[in-house]
Amino acid sequence: MAKVDFLQEGESIIMEGNANMKQALGITKGGKLYLTNQRLVFKAGKLNFGSKLDEIPLGDIAMTGNKLDIFLPTPNMIKVTTKGGKTYQFIVTGKQKAEWKEKIENLVNRN
């Protein structure tokens, strides 16, 4: 695992992998997606515009699901919706999509 500087006290990484985060108008930014025992965190690469660290506390996640976007068609997209109605979309490595969804859902159901 890569060295990370965003972990909080008592927080540990459960899963990490390369990912893209979809933004407005089908634009994506590349980086890494981390699932910790407390949050889902997207850390953008250095060359990306906008926020460099996006985080969703596990207690705020209402559901996860598949997403097929007509502007950015990819079967590897995971949609995460918060209890407040905000939606995040992440494109992950295809072989890891099911694992990401399962681990996120398991941790959310525990909280």
PDB file of N, CA and C in Angstrom:
ATOM      1  N   MET A   1       0.830  -1.184   0.000  1.00  0.00           N
ATOM      2  CA  MET A   1       0.000   0.000   0.000  1.00  0.00           C
ATOM      3  C   MET A   1       0.874   1.246   0.000  1.00  0.00           C
ATOM      4  N   ALA A   2       0.388   2.244  -0.708  1.00  0.00           N
ATOM      5  CA  ALA A   2       1.118   3.498  -0.787  1.00  0.00           C
ATOM      6  C   ALA A   2       1.016   4.253   0.537  1.00  0.00           C
ATOM      7  N   LYS A   3       1.979   5.115   0.770  1.00  0.00           N
ATOM      8  CA  LYS A   3       1.948   5.947   1.979  1.00  0.00           C
ATOM      9  C   LYS A   3       0.847   6.990   1.812  1.00  0.00           C
ATOM     10  N   VAL A   4       0.027   7.130   2.818  1.00  0.00           N
ATOM     11  CA  VAL A   4      -1.053   8.110   2.772  1.00  0.00           C
ATOM     12  C   VAL A   4      -0.934   9.060   3.960  1.00  0.00           C
ATOM     13  N   ASP A   5      -1.403  10.286   3.759  1.00  0.00           N
ATOM     14  CA  ASP A   5      -1.276  11.303   4.799  1.00  0.00           C
ATOM     15  C   ASP A   5      -2.635  11.796   5.297  1.00  0.00           C
ATOM     16  N   PHE A   6      -3.694  11.114   4.950  1.00  0.00           N
ATOM     17  CA  PHE A   6      -5.028  11.590   5.309  1.00  0.00           C
ATOM     18  C   PHE A   6      -5.725  10.741   6.376  1.00  0.00           C
ATOM     19  N   LEU A   7      -5.072   9.680   6.820  1.00  0.00           N
ATOM     20  CA  LEU A   7      -5.723   8.821   7.809  1.00  0.00           C
ATOM     21  C   LEU A   7      -5.886   9.530   9.144  1.00  0.00           C
ATOM     22  N   GLN A   8      -7.038   9.317   9.762  1.00  0.00           N
ATOM     23  CA  GLN A   8      -7.311   9.868  11.071  1.00  0.00           C
ATOM     24  C   GLN A   8      -6.933   8.836  12.129  1.00  0.00           C
ATOM     25  N   GLU A   9      -6.902   9.253  13.370  1.00  0.00           N
ATOM     26  CA  GLU A   9      -6.539   8.335  14.447  1.00  0.00           C
ATOM     27  C   GLU A   9      -7.527   7.162  14.482  1.00  0.00           C
ATOM     28  N   GLY A  10      -6.999   5.950  14.559  1.00  0.00           N
ATOM     29  CA  GLY A  10      -7.825   4.750  14.612  1.00  0.00           C
ATOM     30  C   GLY A  10      -8.356   4.300  13.262  1.00  0.00           C
ATOM     31  N   GLU A  11      -7.953   4.970  12.193  1.00  0.00           N
ATOM     32  CA  GLU A  11      -8.444   4.636  10.857  1.00  0.00           C
ATOM     33  C   GLU A  11      -7.428   3.750  10.139  1.00  0.00           C
ATOM     34  N   SER A  12      -7.933   2.745   9.433  1.00  0.00           N
ATOM     35  CA  SER A  12      -7.047   1.860   8.672  1.00  0.00           C
ATOM     36  C   SER A  12      -7.642   1.603   7.294  1.00  0.00           C
ATOM     37  N   ILE A  13      -6.770   1.337   6.342  1.00  0.00           N
ATOM     38  CA  ILE A  13      -7.192   1.096   4.962  1.00  0.00           C
ATOM     39  C   ILE A  13      -7.630  -0.351   4.811  1.00  0.00           C
ATOM     40  N   ILE A  14      -8.816  -0.532   4.243  1.00  0.00           N
ATOM     41  CA  ILE A  14      -9.371  -1.858   3.964  1.00  0.00           C
ATOM     42  C   ILE A  14      -9.045  -2.258   2.520  1.00  0.00           C
ATOM     43  N   MET A  15      -9.164  -1.284   1.587  1.00  0.00           N
ATOM     44  CA  MET A  15      -8.939  -1.551   0.167  1.00  0.00           C
ATOM     45  C   MET A  15      -8.505  -0.255  -0.505  1.00  0.00           C
ATOM     46  N   GLU A  16      -7.672  -0.372  -1.532  1.00  0.00           N
ATOM     47  CA  GLU A  16      -7.270   0.788  -2.318  1.00  0.00           C
ATOM     48  C   GLU A  16      -7.040   0.361  -3.754  1.00  0.00           C
ATOM     49  N   GLY A  17      -7.191   1.300  -4.660  1.00  0.00           N
ATOM     50  CA  GLY A  17      -6.954   1.004  -6.065  1.00  0.00           C
ATOM     51  C   GLY A  17      -7.051   2.253  -6.921  1.00  0.00           C
ATOM     52  N   ASN A  18      -6.489   2.175  -8.116  1.00  0.00           N
ATOM     53  CA  ASN A  18      -6.584   3.284  -9.056  1.00  0.00           C
ATOM     54  C   ASN A  18      -8.035   3.461  -9.466  1.00  0.00           C
ATOM     55  N   ALA A  19      -8.432   4.712  -9.640  1.00  0.00           N
ATOM     56  CA  ALA A  19      -9.815   5.004 -10.009  1.00  0.00           C
ATOM     57  C   ALA A  19      -9.885   6.382 -10.647  1.00  0.00           C
ATOM     58  N   ASN A  20     -11.005   6.634 -11.292  1.00  0.00           N
ATOM     59  CA  ASN A  20     -11.350   7.966 -11.784  1.00  0.00           C
ATOM     60  C   ASN A  20     -12.636   8.368 -11.101  1.00  0.00           C
ATOM     61  N   MET A  21     -12.758   9.657 -10.836  1.00  0.00           N
ATOM     62  CA  MET A  21     -13.983  10.180 -10.245  1.00  0.00           C
ATOM     63  C   MET A  21     -14.659  11.062 -11.283  1.00  0.00           C
ATOM     64  N   LYS A  22     -15.922  10.749 -11.577  1.00  0.00           N
ATOM     65  CA  LYS A  22     -16.658  11.521 -12.565  1.00  0.00           C
ATOM     66  C   LYS A  22     -17.109  12.832 -11.961  1.00  0.00           C
ATOM     67  N   GLN A  23     -16.931  13.884 -12.754  1.00  0.00           N
ATOM     68  CA  GLN A  23     -17.384  15.214 -12.365  1.00  0.00           C
ATOM     69  C   GLN A  23     -18.444  15.673 -13.359  1.00  0.00           C
ATOM     70  N   ALA A  24     -18.772  16.924 -13.353  1.00  0.00           N
ATOM     71  CA  ALA A  24     -19.798  17.473 -14.250  1.00  0.00           C
ATOM     72  C   ALA A  24     -19.414  17.291 -15.723  1.00  0.00           C
ATOM     73  N   LEU A  25     -20.424  17.145 -16.556  1.00  0.00           N
ATOM     74  CA  LEU A  25     -20.272  17.066 -18.012  1.00  0.00           C
ATOM     75  C   LEU A  25     -19.395  15.914 -18.472  1.00  0.00           C
ATOM     76  N   GLY A  26     -19.347  14.853 -17.706  1.00  0.00           N
ATOM     77  CA  GLY A  26     -18.599  13.673 -18.119  1.00  0.00           C
ATOM     78  C   GLY A  26     -17.100  13.764 -17.936  1.00  0.00           C
ATOM     79  N   ILE A  27     -16.621  14.841 -17.355  1.00  0.00           N
ATOM     80  CA  ILE A  27     -15.190  15.009 -17.109  1.00  0.00           C
ATOM     81  C   ILE A  27     -14.802  14.136 -15.920  1.00  0.00           C
ATOM     82  N   THR A  28     -13.656  13.488 -16.015  1.00  0.00           N
ATOM     83  CA  THR A  28     -13.185  12.665 -14.907  1.00  0.00           C
ATOM     84  C   THR A  28     -11.826  13.158 -14.437  1.00  0.00           C
ATOM     85  N   LYS A  29     -11.526  12.846 -13.186  1.00  0.00           N
ATOM     86  CA  LYS A  29     -10.183  13.105 -12.686  1.00  0.00           C
ATOM     87  C   LYS A  29      -9.633  11.797 -12.148  1.00  0.00           C
ATOM     88  N   GLY A  30      -8.369  11.562 -12.408  1.00  0.00           N
ATOM     89  CA  GLY A  30      -7.734  10.321 -12.001  1.00  0.00           C
ATOM     90  C   GLY A  30      -7.116  10.421 -10.626  1.00  0.00           C
ATOM     91  N   GLY A  31      -6.979   9.280 -10.007  1.00  0.00           N
ATOM     92  CA  GLY A  31      -6.356   9.233  -8.694  1.00  0.00           C
ATOM     93  C   GLY A  31      -6.487   7.855  -8.087  1.00  0.00           C
ATOM     94  N   LYS A  32      -6.620   7.821  -6.776  1.00  0.00           N
ATOM     95  CA  LYS A  32      -6.760   6.553  -6.044  1.00  0.00           C
ATOM     96  C   LYS A  32      -7.991   6.617  -5.162  1.00  0.00           C
ATOM     97  N   LEU A  33      -8.660   5.480  -5.089  1.00  0.00           N
ATOM     98  CA  LEU A  33      -9.820   5.345  -4.223  1.00  0.00           C
ATOM     99  C   LEU A  33      -9.404   4.475  -3.043  1.00  0.00           C
ATOM    100  N   TYR A  34      -9.757   4.924  -1.854  1.00  0.00           N
ATOM    101  CA  TYR A  34      -9.426   4.204  -0.629  1.00  0.00           C
ATOM    102  C   TYR A  34     -10.709   3.937   0.145  1.00  0.00           C
ATOM    103  N   LEU A  35     -10.834   2.731   0.639  1.00  0.00           N
ATOM    104  CA  LEU A  35     -11.905   2.391   1.557  1.00  0.00           C
ATOM    105  C   LEU A  35     -11.237   2.142   2.893  1.00  0.00           C
ATOM    106  N   THR A  36     -11.628   2.926   3.894  1.00  0.00           N
ATOM    107  CA  THR A  36     -11.080   2.726   5.230  1.00  0.00           C
ATOM    108  C   THR A  36     -12.196   2.208   6.135  1.00  0.00           C
ATOM    109  N   ASN A  37     -11.859   1.947   7.365  1.00  0.00           N
ATOM    110  CA  ASN A  37     -12.875   1.493   8.308  1.00  0.00           C
ATOM    111  C   ASN A  37     -13.800   2.636   8.733  1.00  0.00           C
ATOM    112  N   GLN A  38     -13.548   3.869   8.227  1.00  0.00           N
ATOM    113  CA  GLN A  38     -14.374   5.023   8.581  1.00  0.00           C
ATOM    114  C   GLN A  38     -14.928   5.806   7.392  1.00  0.00           C
ATOM    115  N   ARG A  39     -14.234   5.746   6.241  1.00  0.00           N
ATOM    116  CA  ARG A  39     -14.609   6.604   5.109  1.00  0.00           C
ATOM    117  C   ARG A  39     -14.276   5.953   3.776  1.00  0.00           C
ATOM    118  N   LEU A  40     -14.888   6.505   2.731  1.00  0.00           N
ATOM    119  CA  LEU A  40     -14.497   6.244   1.352  1.00  0.00           C
ATOM    120  C   LEU A  40     -13.807   7.523   0.903  1.00  0.00           C
ATOM    121  N   VAL A  41     -12.555   7.414   0.460  1.00  0.00           N
ATOM    122  CA  VAL A  41     -11.746   8.593   0.152  1.00  0.00           C
ATOM    123  C   VAL A  41     -11.211   8.485  -1.271  1.00  0.00           C
ATOM    124  N   PHE A  42     -11.378   9.561  -2.039  1.00  0.00           N
ATOM    125  CA  PHE A  42     -10.767   9.649  -3.361  1.00  0.00           C
ATOM    126  C   PHE A  42      -9.687  10.716  -3.292  1.00  0.00           C
ATOM    127  N   LYS A  43      -8.461  10.318  -3.607  1.00  0.00           N
ATOM    128  CA  LYS A  43      -7.334  11.252  -3.612  1.00  0.00           C
ATOM    129  C   LYS A  43      -6.911  11.457  -5.063  1.00  0.00           C
ATOM    130  N   ALA A  44      -7.130  12.671  -5.557  1.00  0.00           N
ATOM    131  CA  ALA A  44      -6.832  12.991  -6.950  1.00  0.00           C
ATOM    132  C   ALA A  44      -5.326  13.084  -7.176  1.00  0.00           C
ATOM    133  N   GLY A  45      -4.936  12.787  -8.402  1.00  0.00           N
ATOM    134  CA  GLY A  45      -3.540  12.938  -8.779  1.00  0.00           C
ATOM    135  C   GLY A  45      -3.134  14.406  -8.792  1.00  0.00           C
ATOM    136  N   LYS A  46      -1.861  14.660  -8.792  1.00  0.00           N
ATOM    137  CA  LYS A  46      -1.343  16.030  -8.697  1.00  0.00           C
ATOM    138  C   LYS A  46      -1.739  16.919  -9.858  1.00  0.00           C
ATOM    139  N   LEU A  47      -1.938  16.356 -11.042  1.00  0.00           N
ATOM    140  CA  LEU A  47      -2.211  17.162 -12.228  1.00  0.00           C
ATOM    141  C   LEU A  47      -3.693  17.473 -12.425  1.00  0.00           C
ATOM    142  N   ASN A  48      -4.548  17.035 -11.541  1.00  0.00           N
ATOM    143  CA  ASN A  48      -5.982  17.264 -11.675  1.00  0.00           C
ATOM    144  C   ASN A  48      -6.385  18.610 -11.094  1.00  0.00           C
ATOM    145  N   PHE A  49      -7.440  19.175 -11.683  1.00  0.00           N
ATOM    146  CA  PHE A  49      -8.017  20.420 -11.172  1.00  0.00           C
ATOM    147  C   PHE A  49      -9.074  20.088 -10.128  1.00  0.00           C
ATOM    148  N   GLY A  50      -9.435  21.061  -9.335  1.00  0.00           N
ATOM    149  CA  GLY A  50     -10.490  20.865  -8.344  1.00  0.00           C
ATOM    150  C   GLY A  50      -9.937  20.296  -7.057  1.00  0.00           C
ATOM    151  N   SER A  51     -10.847  19.748  -6.270  1.00  0.00           N
ATOM    152  CA  SER A  51     -10.453  19.227  -4.959  1.00  0.00           C
ATOM    153  C   SER A  51      -9.483  18.060  -5.114  1.00  0.00           C
ATOM    154  N   LYS A  52      -8.560  17.973  -4.206  1.00  0.00           N
ATOM    155  CA  LYS A  52      -7.563  16.906  -4.239  1.00  0.00           C
ATOM    156  C   LYS A  52      -7.961  15.734  -3.364  1.00  0.00           C
ATOM    157  N   LEU A  53      -8.886  15.964  -2.429  1.00  0.00           N
ATOM    158  CA  LEU A  53      -9.306  14.904  -1.511  1.00  0.00           C
ATOM    159  C   LEU A  53     -10.818  15.004  -1.311  1.00  0.00           C
ATOM    160  N   ASP A  54     -11.516  13.994  -1.749  1.00  0.00           N
ATOM    161  CA  ASP A  54     -12.963  13.909  -1.552  1.00  0.00           C
ATOM    162  C   ASP A  54     -13.214  12.743  -0.619  1.00  0.00           C
ATOM    163  N   GLU A  55     -14.069  12.948   0.367  1.00  0.00           N
ATOM    164  CA  GLU A  55     -14.304  11.896   1.345  1.00  0.00           C
ATOM    165  C   GLU A  55     -15.782  11.775   1.656  1.00  0.00           C
ATOM    166  N   ILE A  56     -16.195  10.547   1.921  1.00  0.00           N
ATOM    167  CA  ILE A  56     -17.572  10.256   2.294  1.00  0.00           C
ATOM    168  C   ILE A  56     -17.513   9.379   3.545  1.00  0.00           C
ATOM    169  N   PRO A  57     -17.944   9.917   4.686  1.00  0.00           N
ATOM    170  CA  PRO A  57     -17.989   9.071   5.886  1.00  0.00           C
ATOM    171  C   PRO A  57     -18.938   7.890   5.651  1.00  0.00           C
ATOM    172  N   LEU A  58     -18.576   6.707   6.131  1.00  0.00           N
ATOM    173  CA  LEU A  58     -19.395   5.517   5.898  1.00  0.00           C
ATOM    174  C   LEU A  58     -20.814   5.697   6.424  1.00  0.00           C
ATOM    175  N   GLY A  59     -20.962   6.415   7.527  1.00  0.00           N
ATOM    176  CA  GLY A  59     -22.283   6.650   8.094  1.00  0.00           C
ATOM    177  C   GLY A  59     -23.181   7.513   7.227  1.00  0.00           C
ATOM    178  N   ASP A  60     -22.589   8.220   6.249  1.00  0.00           N
ATOM    179  CA  ASP A  60     -23.368   9.071   5.342  1.00  0.00           C
ATOM    180  C   ASP A  60     -23.815   8.342   4.086  1.00  0.00           C
ATOM    181  N   ILE A  61     -23.290   7.139   3.845  1.00  0.00           N
ATOM    182  CA  ILE A  61     -23.622   6.422   2.614  1.00  0.00           C
ATOM    183  C   ILE A  61     -24.978   5.744   2.763  1.00  0.00           C
ATOM    184  N   ALA A  62     -25.864   6.053   1.818  1.00  0.00           N
ATOM    185  CA  ALA A  62     -27.202   5.454   1.817  1.00  0.00           C
ATOM    186  C   ALA A  62     -27.222   4.194   0.970  1.00  0.00           C
ATOM    187  N   MET A  63     -26.508   4.212  -0.177  1.00  0.00           N
ATOM    188  CA  MET A  63     -26.519   3.039  -1.048  1.00  0.00           C
ATOM    189  C   MET A  63     -25.386   3.105  -2.056  1.00  0.00           C
ATOM    190  N   THR A  64     -25.066   1.938  -2.599  1.00  0.00           N
ATOM    191  CA  THR A  64     -24.119   1.839  -3.700  1.00  0.00           C
ATOM    192  C   THR A  64     -24.821   1.107  -4.825  1.00  0.00           C
ATOM    193  N   GLY A  65     -24.338   1.310  -6.029  1.00  0.00           N
ATOM    194  CA  GLY A  65     -24.964   0.626  -7.158  1.00  0.00           C
ATOM    195  C   GLY A  65     -24.113   0.736  -8.403  1.00  0.00           C
ATOM    196  N   ASN A  66     -24.608   0.140  -9.455  1.00  0.00           N
ATOM    197  CA  ASN A  66     -23.952   0.227 -10.751  1.00  0.00           C
ATOM    198  C   ASN A  66     -24.433   1.486 -11.443  1.00  0.00           C
ATOM    199  N   LYS A  67     -23.630   1.985 -12.323  1.00  0.00           N
ATOM    200  CA  LYS A  67     -24.019   3.176 -13.060  1.00  0.00           C
ATOM    201  C   LYS A  67     -23.519   3.036 -14.487  1.00  0.00           C
ATOM    202  N   LEU A  68     -24.396   3.236 -15.437  1.00  0.00           N
ATOM    203  CA  LEU A  68     -24.004   3.307 -16.841  1.00  0.00           C
ATOM    204  C   LEU A  68     -24.410   4.687 -17.318  1.00  0.00           C
ATOM    205  N   ASP A  69     -23.452   5.482 -17.699  1.00  0.00           N
ATOM    206  CA  ASP A  69     -23.663   6.869 -18.069  1.00  0.00           C
ATOM    207  C   ASP A  69     -23.581   6.997 -19.583  1.00  0.00           C
ATOM    208  N   ILE A  70     -24.569   7.610 -20.210  1.00  0.00           N
ATOM    209  CA  ILE A  70     -24.549   7.718 -21.672  1.00  0.00           C
ATOM    210  C   ILE A  70     -23.429   8.626 -22.166  1.00  0.00           C
ATOM    211  N   PHE A  71     -22.956   9.537 -21.313  1.00  0.00           N
ATOM    212  CA  PHE A  71     -21.873  10.427 -21.704  1.00  0.00           C
ATOM    213  C   PHE A  71     -20.496   9.807 -21.461  1.00  0.00           C
ATOM    214  N   LEU A  72     -20.443   8.831 -20.601  1.00  0.00           N
ATOM    215  CA  LEU A  72     -19.184   8.177 -20.266  1.00  0.00           C
ATOM    216  C   LEU A  72     -19.480   6.689 -20.054  1.00  0.00           C
ATOM    217  N   PRO A  73     -19.794   5.986 -21.147  1.00  0.00           N
ATOM    218  CA  PRO A  73     -20.212   4.586 -20.982  1.00  0.00           C
ATOM    219  C   PRO A  73     -19.065   3.685 -20.537  1.00  0.00           C
ATOM    220  N   THR A  74     -19.210   3.120 -19.375  1.00  0.00           N
ATOM    221  CA  THR A  74     -18.245   2.165 -18.849  1.00  0.00           C
ATOM    222  C   THR A  74     -18.967   1.231 -17.889  1.00  0.00           C
ATOM    223  N   PRO A  75     -18.736  -0.046 -18.021  1.00  0.00           N
ATOM    224  CA  PRO A  75     -19.378  -0.985 -17.096  1.00  0.00           C
ATOM    225  C   PRO A  75     -18.691  -1.038 -15.734  1.00  0.00           C
ATOM    226  N   ASN A  76     -17.623  -0.283 -15.564  1.00  0.00           N
ATOM    227  CA  ASN A  76     -16.837  -0.334 -14.330  1.00  0.00           C
ATOM    228  C   ASN A  76     -17.150   0.812 -13.378  1.00  0.00           C
ATOM    229  N   MET A  77     -18.304   1.445 -13.532  1.00  0.00           N
ATOM    230  CA  MET A  77     -18.628   2.594 -12.693  1.00  0.00           C
ATOM    231  C   MET A  77     -19.457   2.169 -11.485  1.00  0.00           C
ATOM    232  N   ILE A  78     -19.057   2.689 -10.334  1.00  0.00           N
ATOM    233  CA  ILE A  78     -19.792   2.478  -9.088  1.00  0.00           C
ATOM    234  C   ILE A  78     -20.405   3.819  -8.689  1.00  0.00           C
ATOM    235  N   LYS A  79     -21.660   3.782  -8.331  1.00  0.00           N
ATOM    236  CA  LYS A  79     -22.355   4.984  -7.865  1.00  0.00           C
ATOM    237  C   LYS A  79     -22.544   4.864  -6.358  1.00  0.00           C
ATOM    238  N   VAL A  80     -22.178   5.923  -5.636  1.00  0.00           N
ATOM    239  CA  VAL A  80     -22.361   5.977  -4.189  1.00  0.00           C
ATOM    240  C   VAL A  80     -23.247   7.187  -3.894  1.00  0.00           C
ATOM    241  N   THR A  81     -24.368   6.943  -3.239  1.00  0.00           N
ATOM    242  CA  THR A  81     -25.304   8.007  -2.900  1.00  0.00           C
ATOM    243  C   THR A  81     -25.312   8.202  -1.391  1.00  0.00           C
ATOM    244  N   THR A  82     -25.247   9.460  -0.984  1.00  0.00           N
ATOM    245  CA  THR A  82     -25.269   9.761   0.443  1.00  0.00           C
ATOM    246  C   THR A  82     -26.710   9.920   0.924  1.00  0.00           C
ATOM    247  N   LYS A  83     -26.873   9.897   2.234  1.00  0.00           N
ATOM    248  CA  LYS A  83     -28.200  10.098   2.830  1.00  0.00           C
ATOM    249  C   LYS A  83     -28.733  11.485   2.520  1.00  0.00           C
ATOM    250  N   GLY A  84     -27.842  12.433   2.232  1.00  0.00           N
ATOM    251  CA  GLY A  84     -28.237  13.785   1.859  1.00  0.00           C
ATOM    252  C   GLY A  84     -28.584  13.928   0.395  1.00  0.00           C
ATOM    253  N   GLY A  85     -28.450  12.834  -0.381  1.00  0.00           N
ATOM    254  CA  GLY A  85     -28.824  12.856  -1.794  1.00  0.00           C
ATOM    255  C   GLY A  85     -27.705  13.170  -2.767  1.00  0.00           C
ATOM    256  N   LYS A  86     -26.499  13.379  -2.292  1.00  0.00           N
ATOM    257  CA  LYS A  86     -25.378  13.644  -3.191  1.00  0.00           C
ATOM    258  C   LYS A  86     -24.886  12.322  -3.787  1.00  0.00           C
ATOM    259  N   THR A  87     -24.568  12.358  -5.078  1.00  0.00           N
ATOM    260  CA  THR A  87     -24.116  11.155  -5.758  1.00  0.00           C
ATOM    261  C   THR A  87     -22.669  11.315  -6.202  1.00  0.00           C
ATOM    262  N   TYR A  88     -21.879  10.292  -5.957  1.00  0.00           N
ATOM    263  CA  TYR A  88     -20.488  10.217  -6.403  1.00  0.00           C
ATOM    264  C   TYR A  88     -20.385   9.035  -7.356  1.00  0.00           C
ATOM    265  N   GLN A  89     -19.591   9.202  -8.405  1.00  0.00           N
ATOM    266  CA  GLN A  89     -19.408   8.120  -9.363  1.00  0.00           C
ATOM    267  C   GLN A  89     -17.918   7.870  -9.559  1.00  0.00           C
ATOM    268  N   PHE A  90     -17.523   6.608  -9.375  1.00  0.00           N
ATOM    269  CA  PHE A  90     -16.126   6.218  -9.480  1.00  0.00           C
ATOM    270  C   PHE A  90     -15.977   5.122 -10.527  1.00  0.00           C
ATOM    271  N   ILE A  91     -14.975   5.257 -11.366  1.00  0.00           N
ATOM    272  CA  ILE A  91     -14.651   4.219 -12.335  1.00  0.00           C
ATOM    273  C   ILE A  91     -13.456   3.464 -11.778  1.00  0.00           C
ATOM    274  N   VAL A  92     -13.645   2.184 -11.533  1.00  0.00           N
ATOM    275  CA  VAL A  92     -12.605   1.352 -10.934  1.00  0.00           C
ATOM    276  C   VAL A  92     -12.160   0.294 -11.928  1.00  0.00           C
ATOM    277  N   THR A  93     -11.098  -0.411 -11.587  1.00  0.00           N
ATOM    278  CA  THR A  93     -10.630  -1.512 -12.411  1.00  0.00           C
ATOM    279  C   THR A  93     -11.736  -2.556 -12.488  1.00  0.00           C
ATOM    280  N   GLY A  94     -12.052  -3.002 -13.694  1.00  0.00           N
ATOM    281  CA  GLY A  94     -13.181  -3.899 -13.910  1.00  0.00           C
ATOM    282  C   GLY A  94     -13.203  -5.133 -13.034  1.00  0.00           C
ATOM    283  N   LYS A  95     -12.055  -5.736 -12.829  1.00  0.00           N
ATOM    284  CA  LYS A  95     -11.999  -6.961 -12.026  1.00  0.00           C
ATOM    285  C   LYS A  95     -12.268  -6.684 -10.551  1.00  0.00           C
ATOM    286  N   GLN A  96     -12.171  -5.413 -10.128  1.00  0.00           N
ATOM    287  CA  GLN A  96     -12.356  -5.077  -8.723  1.00  0.00           C
ATOM    288  C   GLN A  96     -13.727  -4.490  -8.420  1.00  0.00           C
ATOM    289  N   LYS A  97     -14.549  -4.232  -9.419  1.00  0.00           N
ATOM    290  CA  LYS A  97     -15.828  -3.554  -9.195  1.00  0.00           C
ATOM    291  C   LYS A  97     -16.693  -4.281  -8.171  1.00  0.00           C
ATOM    292  N   ALA A  98     -16.877  -5.567  -8.337  1.00  0.00           N
ATOM    293  CA  ALA A  98     -17.720  -6.332  -7.412  1.00  0.00           C
ATOM    294  C   ALA A  98     -17.131  -6.316  -6.003  1.00  0.00           C
ATOM    295  N   GLU A  99     -15.813  -6.398  -5.899  1.00  0.00           N
ATOM    296  CA  GLU A  99     -15.165  -6.385  -4.589  1.00  0.00           C
ATOM    297  C   GLU A  99     -15.348  -5.027  -3.894  1.00  0.00           C
ATOM    298  N   TRP A 100     -15.195  -3.931  -4.651  1.00  0.00           N
ATOM    299  CA  TRP A 100     -15.413  -2.603  -4.084  1.00  0.00           C
ATOM    300  C   TRP A 100     -16.830  -2.502  -3.531  1.00  0.00           C
ATOM    301  N   LYS A 101     -17.815  -2.862  -4.349  1.00  0.00           N
ATOM    302  CA  LYS A 101     -19.209  -2.738  -3.933  1.00  0.00           C
ATOM    303  C   LYS A 101     -19.491  -3.579  -2.688  1.00  0.00           C
ATOM    304  N   GLU A 102     -19.005  -4.808  -2.685  1.00  0.00           N
ATOM    305  CA  GLU A 102     -19.252  -5.700  -1.555  1.00  0.00           C
ATOM    306  C   GLU A 102     -18.638  -5.159  -0.269  1.00  0.00           C
ATOM    307  N   LYS A 103     -17.388  -4.713  -0.348  1.00  0.00           N
ATOM    308  CA  LYS A 103     -16.716  -4.222   0.857  1.00  0.00           C
ATOM    309  C   LYS A 103     -17.343  -2.929   1.370  1.00  0.00           C
ATOM    310  N   ILE A 104     -17.719  -2.027   0.465  1.00  0.00           N
ATOM    311  CA  ILE A 104     -18.376  -0.789   0.887  1.00  0.00           C
ATOM    312  C   ILE A 104     -19.696  -1.127   1.578  1.00  0.00           C
ATOM    313  N   GLU A 105     -20.505  -1.956   0.941  1.00  0.00           N
ATOM    314  CA  GLU A 105     -21.813  -2.317   1.500  1.00  0.00           C
ATOM    315  C   GLU A 105     -21.679  -3.015   2.856  1.00  0.00           C
ATOM    316  N   ASN A 106     -20.695  -3.904   2.974  1.00  0.00           N
ATOM    317  CA  ASN A 106     -20.491  -4.596   4.260  1.00  0.00           C
ATOM    318  C   ASN A 106     -20.144  -3.627   5.375  1.00  0.00           C
ATOM    319  N   LEU A 107     -19.257  -2.673   5.095  1.00  0.00           N
ATOM    320  CA  LEU A 107     -18.860  -1.705   6.122  1.00  0.00           C
ATOM    321  C   LEU A 107     -20.006  -0.752   6.454  1.00  0.00           C
ATOM    322  N   VAL A 108     -20.756  -0.325   5.449  1.00  0.00           N
ATOM    323  CA  VAL A 108     -21.885   0.584   5.679  1.00  0.00           C
ATOM    324  C   VAL A 108     -22.932  -0.112   6.536  1.00  0.00           C
ATOM    325  N   ASN A 109     -23.193  -1.380   6.272  1.00  0.00           N
ATOM    326  CA  ASN A 109     -24.201  -2.122   7.039  1.00  0.00           C
ATOM    327  C   ASN A 109     -23.780  -2.347   8.484  1.00  0.00           C
ATOM    328  N   ARG A 110     -22.485  -2.328   8.762  1.00  0.00           N
ATOM    329  CA  ARG A 110     -21.980  -2.484  10.138  1.00  0.00           C
ATOM    330  C   ARG A 110     -22.132  -1.214  10.943  1.00  0.00           C
ATOM    331  N   ASN A 111     -22.114  -0.060  10.251  1.00  0.00           N
ATOM    332  CA  ASN A 111     -22.150   1.234  10.962  1.00  0.00           C
ATOM    333  C   ASN A 111     -23.541   1.625  11.345  1.00  0.00           C
TER     334      ASN A 111
END
